[in-house]
Amino acid sequence: MTKTSQTLACWFIRDGAKLVQCSKEDFDKAIVEGKSVKYHGYANKKSERIADELEGSRMAFLSNPDLSPKFRAAITNPRNVVEVQIIMVDDPQFWLRESKRPKYQK
């Protein structure tokens, strides 16, 4: 019988340079509060790199006080963030392109 390694999902909230492991509920709460988060459990390094780029751009948008309220709501919605940064995780420019869509303009 061959054993296969399984990647365990771990949820983290960034606290400065540290990562603090948390529950999925705390992870979602951190997203709503605009905190930086990180997921551990990707199938490969490429997906993890793309997710890190997506989180970086999400945090850059959140630091902009002139950000459209509709787009701010979209990138602080846990369902959206998990979908883009954990499930799809295939386009490092997703948040940038999404921010330019007419539905998010003031």
PDB file of N, CA and C in Angstrom:
ATOM      1  N   MET A   1       0.840  -1.173   0.000  1.00  0.00           N
ATOM      2  CA  MET A   1       0.000   0.000   0.000  1.00  0.00           C
ATOM      3  C   MET A   1       0.890   1.243   0.000  1.00  0.00           C
ATOM      4  N   THR A   2       0.654   2.121  -0.922  1.00  0.00           N
ATOM      5  CA  THR A   2       1.442   3.336  -1.054  1.00  0.00           C
ATOM      6  C   THR A   2       0.802   4.457  -0.259  1.00  0.00           C
ATOM      7  N   LYS A   3       1.617   5.130   0.517  1.00  0.00           N
ATOM      8  CA  LYS A   3       1.126   6.276   1.274  1.00  0.00           C
ATOM      9  C   LYS A   3       1.318   7.530   0.440  1.00  0.00           C
ATOM     10  N   THR A   4       0.334   8.381   0.463  1.00  0.00           N
ATOM     11  CA  THR A   4       0.452   9.669  -0.213  1.00  0.00           C
ATOM     12  C   THR A   4       0.469  10.755   0.848  1.00  0.00           C
ATOM     13  N   SER A   5       1.303  11.730   0.625  1.00  0.00           N
ATOM     14  CA  SER A   5       1.333  12.826   1.594  1.00  0.00           C
ATOM     15  C   SER A   5       0.195  13.781   1.286  1.00  0.00           C
ATOM     16  N   GLN A   6      -0.433  14.230   2.315  1.00  0.00           N
ATOM     17  CA  GLN A   6      -1.507  15.188   2.159  1.00  0.00           C
ATOM     18  C   GLN A   6      -1.072  16.506   2.775  1.00  0.00           C
ATOM     19  N   THR A   7      -1.407  17.567   2.090  1.00  0.00           N
ATOM     20  CA  THR A   7      -1.083  18.883   2.599  1.00  0.00           C
ATOM     21  C   THR A   7      -2.211  19.327   3.512  1.00  0.00           C
ATOM     22  N   LEU A   8      -1.857  19.673   4.724  1.00  0.00           N
ATOM     23  CA  LEU A   8      -2.851  20.162   5.665  1.00  0.00           C
ATOM     24  C   LEU A   8      -3.061  21.652   5.466  1.00  0.00           C
ATOM     25  N   ALA A   9      -4.302  22.042   5.503  1.00  0.00           N
ATOM     26  CA  ALA A   9      -4.609  23.461   5.366  1.00  0.00           C
ATOM     27  C   ALA A   9      -4.359  24.162   6.691  1.00  0.00           C
ATOM     28  N   CYS A  10      -3.658  25.272   6.634  1.00  0.00           N
ATOM     29  CA  CYS A  10      -3.396  26.102   7.810  1.00  0.00           C
ATOM     30  C   CYS A  10      -3.716  27.541   7.453  1.00  0.00           C
ATOM     31  N   TRP A  11      -4.328  28.228   8.367  1.00  0.00           N
ATOM     32  CA  TRP A  11      -4.742  29.617   8.181  1.00  0.00           C
ATOM     33  C   TRP A  11      -3.880  30.504   9.077  1.00  0.00           C
ATOM     34  N   PHE A  12      -3.429  31.634   8.520  1.00  0.00           N
ATOM     35  CA  PHE A  12      -2.562  32.534   9.281  1.00  0.00           C
ATOM     36  C   PHE A  12      -3.005  33.984   9.114  1.00  0.00           C
ATOM     37  N   ILE A  13      -2.739  34.769  10.154  1.00  0.00           N
ATOM     38  CA  ILE A  13      -2.896  36.221  10.099  1.00  0.00           C
ATOM     39  C   ILE A  13      -1.492  36.788  10.265  1.00  0.00           C
ATOM     40  N   ARG A  14      -1.157  37.763   9.424  1.00  0.00           N
ATOM     41  CA  ARG A  14       0.158  38.390   9.535  1.00  0.00           C
ATOM     42  C   ARG A  14       0.137  39.397  10.676  1.00  0.00           C
ATOM     43  N   ASP A  15       1.167  39.316  11.500  1.00  0.00           N
ATOM     44  CA  ASP A  15       1.354  40.267  12.595  1.00  0.00           C
ATOM     45  C   ASP A  15       2.774  40.788  12.439  1.00  0.00           C
ATOM     46  N   GLY A  16       2.918  41.870  11.682  1.00  0.00           N
ATOM     47  CA  GLY A  16       4.252  42.360  11.345  1.00  0.00           C
ATOM     48  C   GLY A  16       4.946  41.334  10.462  1.00  0.00           C
ATOM     49  N   ALA A  17       6.111  40.880  10.893  1.00  0.00           N
ATOM     50  CA  ALA A  17       6.858  39.886  10.123  1.00  0.00           C
ATOM     51  C   ALA A  17       6.478  38.460  10.517  1.00  0.00           C
ATOM     52  N   LYS A  18       5.642  38.316  11.553  1.00  0.00           N
ATOM     53  CA  LYS A  18       5.254  36.994  12.036  1.00  0.00           C
ATOM     54  C   LYS A  18       3.950  36.535  11.403  1.00  0.00           C
ATOM     55  N   LEU A  19       3.795  35.213  11.328  1.00  0.00           N
ATOM     56  CA  LEU A  19       2.527  34.612  10.938  1.00  0.00           C
ATOM     57  C   LEU A  19       1.947  33.930  12.176  1.00  0.00           C
ATOM     58  N   VAL A  20       0.714  34.261  12.498  1.00  0.00           N
ATOM     59  CA  VAL A  20       0.049  33.683  13.658  1.00  0.00           C
ATOM     60  C   VAL A  20      -1.021  32.723  13.155  1.00  0.00           C
ATOM     61  N   GLN A  21      -0.860  31.442  13.489  1.00  0.00           N
ATOM     62  CA  GLN A  21      -1.842  30.451  13.051  1.00  0.00           C
ATOM     63  C   GLN A  21      -3.170  30.708  13.734  1.00  0.00           C
ATOM     64  N   CYS A  22      -4.264  30.499  12.982  1.00  0.00           N
ATOM     65  CA  CYS A  22      -5.588  30.784  13.518  1.00  0.00           C
ATOM     66  C   CYS A  22      -6.610  29.809  12.944  1.00  0.00           C
ATOM     67  N   SER A  23      -7.828  29.910  13.420  1.00  0.00           N
ATOM     68  CA  SER A  23      -8.929  29.103  12.889  1.00  0.00           C
ATOM     69  C   SER A  23      -9.437  29.745  11.600  1.00  0.00           C
ATOM     70  N   LYS A  24     -10.239  29.010  10.862  1.00  0.00           N
ATOM     71  CA  LYS A  24     -10.832  29.545   9.634  1.00  0.00           C
ATOM     72  C   LYS A  24     -11.741  30.723   9.976  1.00  0.00           C
ATOM     73  N   GLU A  25     -12.420  30.667  11.099  1.00  0.00           N
ATOM     74  CA  GLU A  25     -13.310  31.764  11.502  1.00  0.00           C
ATOM     75  C   GLU A  25     -12.504  33.038  11.775  1.00  0.00           C
ATOM     76  N   ASP A  26     -11.369  32.906  12.451  1.00  0.00           N
ATOM     77  CA  ASP A  26     -10.511  34.068  12.713  1.00  0.00           C
ATOM     78  C   ASP A  26      -9.894  34.597  11.422  1.00  0.00           C
ATOM     79  N   PHE A  27      -9.568  33.701  10.511  1.00  0.00           N
ATOM     80  CA  PHE A  27      -9.035  34.065   9.196  1.00  0.00           C
ATOM     81  C   PHE A  27     -10.057  34.934   8.459  1.00  0.00           C
ATOM     82  N   ASP A  28     -11.306  34.470   8.425  1.00  0.00           N
ATOM     83  CA  ASP A  28     -12.368  35.237   7.765  1.00  0.00           C
ATOM     84  C   ASP A  28     -12.570  36.597   8.435  1.00  0.00           C
ATOM     85  N   LYS A  29     -12.540  36.622   9.753  1.00  0.00           N
ATOM     86  CA  LYS A  29     -12.704  37.882  10.492  1.00  0.00           C
ATOM     87  C   LYS A  29     -11.567  38.852  10.155  1.00  0.00           C
ATOM     88  N   ALA A  30     -10.349  38.340  10.035  1.00  0.00           N
ATOM     89  CA  ALA A  30      -9.200  39.182   9.690  1.00  0.00           C
ATOM     90  C   ALA A  30      -9.368  39.785   8.296  1.00  0.00           C
ATOM     91  N   ILE A  31      -9.913  39.014   7.366  1.00  0.00           N
ATOM     92  CA  ILE A  31     -10.158  39.523   6.009  1.00  0.00           C
ATOM     93  C   ILE A  31     -11.145  40.684   6.074  1.00  0.00           C
ATOM     94  N   VAL A  32     -12.222  40.513   6.805  1.00  0.00           N
ATOM     95  CA  VAL A  32     -13.240  41.562   6.940  1.00  0.00           C
ATOM     96  C   VAL A  32     -12.631  42.819   7.556  1.00  0.00           C
ATOM     97  N   GLU A  33     -11.728  42.636   8.515  1.00  0.00           N
ATOM     98  CA  GLU A  33     -11.089  43.769   9.186  1.00  0.00           C
ATOM     99  C   GLU A  33      -9.962  44.394   8.363  1.00  0.00           C
ATOM    100  N   GLY A  34      -9.656  43.822   7.207  1.00  0.00           N
ATOM    101  CA  GLY A  34      -8.619  44.375   6.346  1.00  0.00           C
ATOM    102  C   GLY A  34      -7.208  43.994   6.754  1.00  0.00           C
ATOM    103  N   LYS A  35      -7.071  42.934   7.529  1.00  0.00           N
ATOM    104  CA  LYS A  35      -5.739  42.473   7.930  1.00  0.00           C
ATOM    105  C   LYS A  35      -5.166  41.566   6.850  1.00  0.00           C
ATOM    106  N   SER A  36      -3.847  41.459   6.844  1.00  0.00           N
ATOM    107  CA  SER A  36      -3.173  40.597   5.881  1.00  0.00           C
ATOM    108  C   SER A  36      -3.239  39.147   6.360  1.00  0.00           C
ATOM    109  N   VAL A  37      -3.525  38.254   5.436  1.00  0.00           N
ATOM    110  CA  VAL A  37      -3.673  36.837   5.760  1.00  0.00           C
ATOM    111  C   VAL A  37      -2.802  35.983   4.847  1.00  0.00           C
ATOM    112  N   LYS A  38      -2.588  34.748   5.267  1.00  0.00           N
ATOM    113  CA  LYS A  38      -1.832  33.791   4.452  1.00  0.00           C
ATOM    114  C   LYS A  38      -2.412  32.410   4.685  1.00  0.00           C
ATOM    115  N   TYR A  39      -2.506  31.657   3.607  1.00  0.00           N
ATOM    116  CA  TYR A  39      -2.990  30.288   3.653  1.00  0.00           C
ATOM    117  C   TYR A  39      -1.807  29.371   3.391  1.00  0.00           C
ATOM    118  N   HIS A  40      -1.753  28.256   4.094  1.00  0.00           N
ATOM    119  CA  HIS A  40      -0.719  27.260   3.837  1.00  0.00           C
ATOM    120  C   HIS A  40      -1.426  25.961   3.485  1.00  0.00           C
ATOM    121  N   GLY A  41      -1.091  25.422   2.332  1.00  0.00           N
ATOM    122  CA  GLY A  41      -1.705  24.178   1.905  1.00  0.00           C
ATOM    123  C   GLY A  41      -1.851  24.089   0.397  1.00  0.00           C
ATOM    124  N   TYR A  42      -1.159  24.977  -0.319  1.00  0.00           N
ATOM    125  CA  TYR A  42      -1.222  24.943  -1.778  1.00  0.00           C
ATOM    126  C   TYR A  42      -0.543  23.691  -2.313  1.00  0.00           C
ATOM    127  N   ALA A  43      -0.954  23.283  -3.495  1.00  0.00           N
ATOM    128  CA  ALA A  43      -0.406  22.080  -4.112  1.00  0.00           C
ATOM    129  C   ALA A  43       1.033  22.262  -4.582  1.00  0.00           C
ATOM    130  N   ASN A  44       1.422  23.516  -4.880  1.00  0.00           N
ATOM    131  CA  ASN A  44       2.780  23.752  -5.381  1.00  0.00           C
ATOM    132  C   ASN A  44       3.241  25.172  -5.057  1.00  0.00           C
ATOM    133  N   LYS A  45       4.528  25.403  -5.250  1.00  0.00           N
ATOM    134  CA  LYS A  45       5.135  26.711  -4.937  1.00  0.00           C
ATOM    135  C   LYS A  45       4.617  27.813  -5.857  1.00  0.00           C
ATOM    136  N   LYS A  46       4.308  27.477  -7.101  1.00  0.00           N
ATOM    137  CA  LYS A  46       3.811  28.484  -8.040  1.00  0.00           C
ATOM    138  C   LYS A  46       2.498  29.086  -7.522  1.00  0.00           C
ATOM    139  N   SER A  47       1.590  28.236  -7.071  1.00  0.00           N
ATOM    140  CA  SER A  47       0.317  28.720  -6.533  1.00  0.00           C
ATOM    141  C   SER A  47       0.538  29.574  -5.295  1.00  0.00           C
ATOM    142  N   GLU A  48       1.467  29.157  -4.453  1.00  0.00           N
ATOM    143  CA  GLU A  48       1.761  29.925  -3.242  1.00  0.00           C
ATOM    144  C   GLU A  48       2.333  31.302  -3.584  1.00  0.00           C
ATOM    145  N   ARG A  49       3.202  31.363  -4.590  1.00  0.00           N
ATOM    146  CA  ARG A  49       3.785  32.640  -5.027  1.00  0.00           C
ATOM    147  C   ARG A  49       2.700  33.569  -5.565  1.00  0.00           C
ATOM    148  N   ILE A  50       1.807  33.024  -6.393  1.00  0.00           N
ATOM    149  CA  ILE A  50       0.710  33.832  -6.947  1.00  0.00           C
ATOM    150  C   ILE A  50      -0.184  34.353  -5.826  1.00  0.00           C
ATOM    151  N   ALA A  51      -0.493  33.502  -4.852  1.00  0.00           N
ATOM    152  CA  ALA A  51      -1.327  33.925  -3.719  1.00  0.00           C
ATOM    153  C   ALA A  51      -0.661  35.044  -2.935  1.00  0.00           C
ATOM    154  N   ASP A  52       0.658  34.958  -2.753  1.00  0.00           N
ATOM    155  CA  ASP A  52       1.380  36.017  -2.049  1.00  0.00           C
ATOM    156  C   ASP A  52       1.315  37.331  -2.823  1.00  0.00           C
ATOM    157  N   GLU A  53       1.416  37.254  -4.150  1.00  0.00           N
ATOM    158  CA  GLU A  53       1.303  38.466  -4.974  1.00  0.00           C
ATOM    159  C   GLU A  53      -0.110  39.050  -4.876  1.00  0.00           C
ATOM    160  N   LEU A  54      -1.113  38.179  -4.906  1.00  0.00           N
ATOM    161  CA  LEU A  54      -2.496  38.640  -4.784  1.00  0.00           C
ATOM    162  C   LEU A  54      -2.735  39.324  -3.442  1.00  0.00           C
ATOM    163  N   GLU A  55      -2.205  38.733  -2.370  1.00  0.00           N
ATOM    164  CA  GLU A  55      -2.385  39.329  -1.046  1.00  0.00           C
ATOM    165  C   GLU A  55      -1.665  40.672  -0.964  1.00  0.00           C
ATOM    166  N   GLY A  56      -0.499  40.760  -1.572  1.00  0.00           N
ATOM    167  CA  GLY A  56       0.226  42.036  -1.593  1.00  0.00           C
ATOM    168  C   GLY A  56      -0.560  43.124  -2.292  1.00  0.00           C
ATOM    169  N   SER A  57      -1.158  42.783  -3.428  1.00  0.00           N
ATOM    170  CA  SER A  57      -1.935  43.794  -4.152  1.00  0.00           C
ATOM    171  C   SER A  57      -3.223  44.125  -3.401  1.00  0.00           C
ATOM    172  N   ARG A  58      -3.835  43.132  -2.754  1.00  0.00           N
ATOM    173  CA  ARG A  58      -5.046  43.391  -1.957  1.00  0.00           C
ATOM    174  C   ARG A  58      -4.730  44.370  -0.832  1.00  0.00           C
ATOM    175  N   MET A  59      -3.612  44.163  -0.164  1.00  0.00           N
ATOM    176  CA  MET A  59      -3.239  45.050   0.940  1.00  0.00           C
ATOM    177  C   MET A  59      -2.885  46.450   0.423  1.00  0.00           C
ATOM    178  N   ALA A  60      -2.275  46.537  -0.741  1.00  0.00           N
ATOM    179  CA  ALA A  60      -1.961  47.843  -1.328  1.00  0.00           C
ATOM    180  C   ALA A  60      -3.261  48.607  -1.622  1.00  0.00           C
ATOM    181  N   PHE A  61      -4.244  47.914  -2.175  1.00  0.00           N
ATOM    182  CA  PHE A  61      -5.530  48.561  -2.422  1.00  0.00           C
ATOM    183  C   PHE A  61      -6.167  49.031  -1.119  1.00  0.00           C
ATOM    184  N   LEU A  62      -6.146  48.191  -0.090  1.00  0.00           N
ATOM    185  CA  LEU A  62      -6.777  48.546   1.180  1.00  0.00           C
ATOM    186  C   LEU A  62      -6.101  49.735   1.857  1.00  0.00           C
ATOM    187  N   SER A  63      -4.839  49.968   1.556  1.00  0.00           N
ATOM    188  CA  SER A  63      -4.142  51.107   2.166  1.00  0.00           C
ATOM    189  C   SER A  63      -4.485  52.429   1.480  1.00  0.00           C
ATOM    190  N   ASN A  64      -5.198  52.364   0.363  1.00  0.00           N
ATOM    191  CA  ASN A  64      -5.581  53.564  -0.381  1.00  0.00           C
ATOM    192  C   ASN A  64      -6.890  54.124   0.189  1.00  0.00           C
ATOM    193  N   PRO A  65      -6.843  55.308   0.820  1.00  0.00           N
ATOM    194  CA  PRO A  65      -8.069  55.863   1.414  1.00  0.00           C
ATOM    195  C   PRO A  65      -9.115  56.263   0.364  1.00  0.00           C
ATOM    196  N   ASP A  66      -8.713  56.426  -0.897  1.00  0.00           N
ATOM    197  CA  ASP A  66      -9.645  56.817  -1.949  1.00  0.00           C
ATOM    198  C   ASP A  66     -10.240  55.621  -2.693  1.00  0.00           C
ATOM    199  N   LEU A  67     -10.028  54.426  -2.185  1.00  0.00           N
ATOM    200  CA  LEU A  67     -10.534  53.226  -2.834  1.00  0.00           C
ATOM    201  C   LEU A  67     -12.062  53.237  -2.857  1.00  0.00           C
ATOM    202  N   SER A  68     -12.620  52.850  -3.981  1.00  0.00           N
ATOM    203  CA  SER A  68     -14.071  52.769  -4.125  1.00  0.00           C
ATOM    204  C   SER A  68     -14.657  51.886  -3.022  1.00  0.00           C
ATOM    205  N   PRO A  69     -15.707  52.357  -2.347  1.00  0.00           N
ATOM    206  CA  PRO A  69     -16.327  51.537  -1.292  1.00  0.00           C
ATOM    207  C   PRO A  69     -16.807  50.171  -1.792  1.00  0.00           C
ATOM    208  N   LYS A  70     -17.272  50.116  -3.037  1.00  0.00           N
ATOM    209  CA  LYS A  70     -17.732  48.841  -3.592  1.00  0.00           C
ATOM    210  C   LYS A  70     -16.569  47.866  -3.744  1.00  0.00           C
ATOM    211  N   PHE A  71     -15.419  48.362  -4.208  1.00  0.00           N
ATOM    212  CA  PHE A  71     -14.271  47.478  -4.376  1.00  0.00           C
ATOM    213  C   PHE A  71     -13.695  47.093  -3.013  1.00  0.00           C
ATOM    214  N   ARG A  72     -13.683  48.032  -2.082  1.00  0.00           N
ATOM    215  CA  ARG A  72     -13.216  47.723  -0.718  1.00  0.00           C
ATOM    216  C   ARG A  72     -14.076  46.596  -0.130  1.00  0.00           C
ATOM    217  N   ALA A  73     -15.381  46.681  -0.338  1.00  0.00           N
ATOM    218  CA  ALA A  73     -16.272  45.629   0.163  1.00  0.00           C
ATOM    219  C   ALA A  73     -15.963  44.289  -0.511  1.00  0.00           C
ATOM    220  N   ALA A  74     -15.640  44.318  -1.793  1.00  0.00           N
ATOM    221  CA  ALA A  74     -15.334  43.075  -2.522  1.00  0.00           C
ATOM    222  C   ALA A  74     -14.056  42.407  -2.015  1.00  0.00           C
ATOM    223  N   ILE A  75     -13.043  43.225  -1.676  1.00  0.00           N
ATOM    224  CA  ILE A  75     -11.764  42.622  -1.260  1.00  0.00           C
ATOM    225  C   ILE A  75     -11.656  42.425   0.245  1.00  0.00           C
ATOM    226  N   THR A  76     -12.737  42.729   0.965  1.00  0.00           N
ATOM    227  CA  THR A  76     -12.786  42.389   2.391  1.00  0.00           C
ATOM    228  C   THR A  76     -13.893  41.364   2.649  1.00  0.00           C
ATOM    229  N   ASN A  77     -14.391  40.769   1.587  1.00  0.00           N
ATOM    230  CA  ASN A  77     -15.387  39.711   1.691  1.00  0.00           C
ATOM    231  C   ASN A  77     -14.639  38.375   1.701  1.00  0.00           C
ATOM    232  N   PRO A  78     -14.699  37.616   2.804  1.00  0.00           N
ATOM    233  CA  PRO A  78     -13.952  36.364   2.892  1.00  0.00           C
ATOM    234  C   PRO A  78     -14.222  35.394   1.741  1.00  0.00           C
ATOM    235  N   ARG A  79     -15.464  35.329   1.302  1.00  0.00           N
ATOM    236  CA  ARG A  79     -15.794  34.413   0.195  1.00  0.00           C
ATOM    237  C   ARG A  79     -15.025  34.785  -1.073  1.00  0.00           C
ATOM    238  N   ASN A  80     -14.956  36.076  -1.396  1.00  0.00           N
ATOM    239  CA  ASN A  80     -14.226  36.520  -2.582  1.00  0.00           C
ATOM    240  C   ASN A  80     -12.731  36.241  -2.450  1.00  0.00           C
ATOM    241  N   VAL A  81     -12.169  36.576  -1.305  1.00  0.00           N
ATOM    242  CA  VAL A  81     -10.728  36.409  -1.096  1.00  0.00           C
ATOM    243  C   VAL A  81     -10.343  34.934  -1.159  1.00  0.00           C
ATOM    244  N   VAL A  82     -11.108  34.081  -0.509  1.00  0.00           N
ATOM    245  CA  VAL A  82     -10.808  32.645  -0.546  1.00  0.00           C
ATOM    246  C   VAL A  82     -10.941  32.109  -1.973  1.00  0.00           C
ATOM    247  N   GLU A  83     -11.965  32.536  -2.686  1.00  0.00           N
ATOM    248  CA  GLU A  83     -12.162  32.086  -4.075  1.00  0.00           C
ATOM    249  C   GLU A  83     -10.970  32.462  -4.950  1.00  0.00           C
ATOM    250  N   VAL A  84     -10.539  33.710  -4.878  1.00  0.00           N
ATOM    251  CA  VAL A  84      -9.469  34.206  -5.757  1.00  0.00           C
ATOM    252  C   VAL A  84      -8.089  33.751  -5.297  1.00  0.00           C
ATOM    253  N   GLN A  85      -7.821  33.844  -4.001  1.00  0.00           N
ATOM    254  CA  GLN A  85      -6.467  33.629  -3.505  1.00  0.00           C
ATOM    255  C   GLN A  85      -6.182  32.205  -3.031  1.00  0.00           C
ATOM    256  N   ILE A  86      -7.205  31.384  -2.884  1.00  0.00           N
ATOM    257  CA  ILE A  86      -6.964  30.018  -2.415  1.00  0.00           C
ATOM    258  C   ILE A  86      -7.486  28.981  -3.403  1.00  0.00           C
ATOM    259  N   ILE A  87      -8.676  29.176  -3.932  1.00  0.00           N
ATOM    260  CA  ILE A  87      -9.253  28.171  -4.825  1.00  0.00           C
ATOM    261  C   ILE A  87      -8.764  28.361  -6.265  1.00  0.00           C
ATOM    262  N   MET A  88      -8.971  29.540  -6.847  1.00  0.00           N
ATOM    263  CA  MET A  88      -8.549  29.780  -8.239  1.00  0.00           C
ATOM    264  C   MET A  88      -7.036  29.950  -8.327  1.00  0.00           C
ATOM    265  N   VAL A  89      -6.502  30.875  -7.561  1.00  0.00           N
ATOM    266  CA  VAL A  89      -5.065  31.191  -7.466  1.00  0.00           C
ATOM    267  C   VAL A  89      -4.287  30.948  -8.761  1.00  0.00           C
ATOM    268  N   ASP A  90      -4.733  31.624  -9.837  1.00  0.00           N
ATOM    269  CA  ASP A  90      -4.071  31.421 -11.118  1.00  0.00           C
ATOM    270  C   ASP A  90      -3.661  32.713 -11.818  1.00  0.00           C
ATOM    271  N   ASP A  91      -4.009  33.854 -11.253  1.00  0.00           N
ATOM    272  CA  ASP A  91      -3.729  35.127 -11.913  1.00  0.00           C
ATOM    273  C   ASP A  91      -3.256  36.160 -10.896  1.00  0.00           C
ATOM    274  N   PRO A  92      -1.950  36.454 -10.869  1.00  0.00           N
ATOM    275  CA  PRO A  92      -1.440  37.409  -9.881  1.00  0.00           C
ATOM    276  C   PRO A  92      -1.946  38.838 -10.082  1.00  0.00           C
ATOM    277  N   GLN A  93      -2.516  39.144 -11.235  1.00  0.00           N
ATOM    278  CA  GLN A  93      -3.022  40.494 -11.521  1.00  0.00           C
ATOM    279  C   GLN A  93      -4.530  40.609 -11.363  1.00  0.00           C
ATOM    280  N   PHE A  94      -5.165  39.589 -10.793  1.00  0.00           N
ATOM    281  CA  PHE A  94      -6.628  39.575 -10.716  1.00  0.00           C
ATOM    282  C   PHE A  94      -7.200  40.807 -10.035  1.00  0.00           C
ATOM    283  N   TRP A  95      -6.722  41.163  -8.832  1.00  0.00           N
ATOM    284  CA  TRP A  95      -7.305  42.300  -8.112  1.00  0.00           C
ATOM    285  C   TRP A  95      -7.101  43.596  -8.881  1.00  0.00           C
ATOM    286  N   LEU A  96      -5.964  43.741  -9.539  1.00  0.00           N
ATOM    287  CA  LEU A  96      -5.715  44.954 -10.330  1.00  0.00           C
ATOM    288  C   LEU A  96      -6.731  45.073 -11.460  1.00  0.00           C
ATOM    289  N   ARG A  97      -6.917  44.009 -12.225  1.00  0.00           N
ATOM    290  CA  ARG A  97      -7.888  44.045 -13.324  1.00  0.00           C
ATOM    291  C   ARG A  97      -9.312  44.221 -12.796  1.00  0.00           C
ATOM    292  N   GLU A  98      -9.624  43.537 -11.699  1.00  0.00           N
ATOM    293  CA  GLU A  98     -10.963  43.616 -11.122  1.00  0.00           C
ATOM    294  C   GLU A  98     -11.273  45.050 -10.666  1.00  0.00           C
ATOM    295  N   SER A  99     -10.279  45.740 -10.131  1.00  0.00           N
ATOM    296  CA  SER A  99     -10.497  47.105  -9.632  1.00  0.00           C
ATOM    297  C   SER A  99     -10.886  48.075 -10.737  1.00  0.00           C
ATOM    298  N   LYS A 100     -10.548  47.752 -11.974  1.00  0.00           N
ATOM    299  CA  LYS A 100     -10.827  48.638 -13.104  1.00  0.00           C
ATOM    300  C   LYS A 100     -12.201  48.402 -13.723  1.00  0.00           C
ATOM    301  N   ARG A 101     -12.899  47.388 -13.260  1.00  0.00           N
ATOM    302  CA  ARG A 101     -14.225  47.100 -13.813  1.00  0.00           C
ATOM    303  C   ARG A 101     -15.195  48.231 -13.450  1.00  0.00           C
ATOM    304  N   PRO A 102     -16.073  48.601 -14.384  1.00  0.00           N
ATOM    305  CA  PRO A 102     -16.997  49.715 -14.147  1.00  0.00           C
ATOM    306  C   PRO A 102     -17.855  49.560 -12.884  1.00  0.00           C
ATOM    307  N   LYS A 103     -18.213  48.358 -12.518  1.00  0.00           N
ATOM    308  CA  LYS A 103     -19.078  48.212 -11.349  1.00  0.00           C
ATOM    309  C   LYS A 103     -18.426  48.639 -10.044  1.00  0.00           C
ATOM    310  N   TYR A 104     -17.086  48.782 -10.041  1.00  0.00           N
ATOM    311  CA  TYR A 104     -16.390  49.203  -8.831  1.00  0.00           C
ATOM    312  C   TYR A 104     -15.964  50.676  -8.858  1.00  0.00           C
ATOM    313  N   GLN A 105     -16.326  51.391  -9.899  1.00  0.00           N
ATOM    314  CA  GLN A 105     -15.971  52.803  -9.982  1.00  0.00           C
ATOM    315  C   GLN A 105     -16.937  53.616  -9.130  1.00  0.00           C
ATOM    316  N   LYS A 106     -16.457  54.717  -8.604  1.00  0.00           N
ATOM    317  CA  LYS A 106     -17.284  55.573  -7.723  1.00  0.00           C
ATOM    318  C   LYS A 106     -18.467  56.141  -8.446  1.00  0.00           C
TER     319      LYS A 106
END
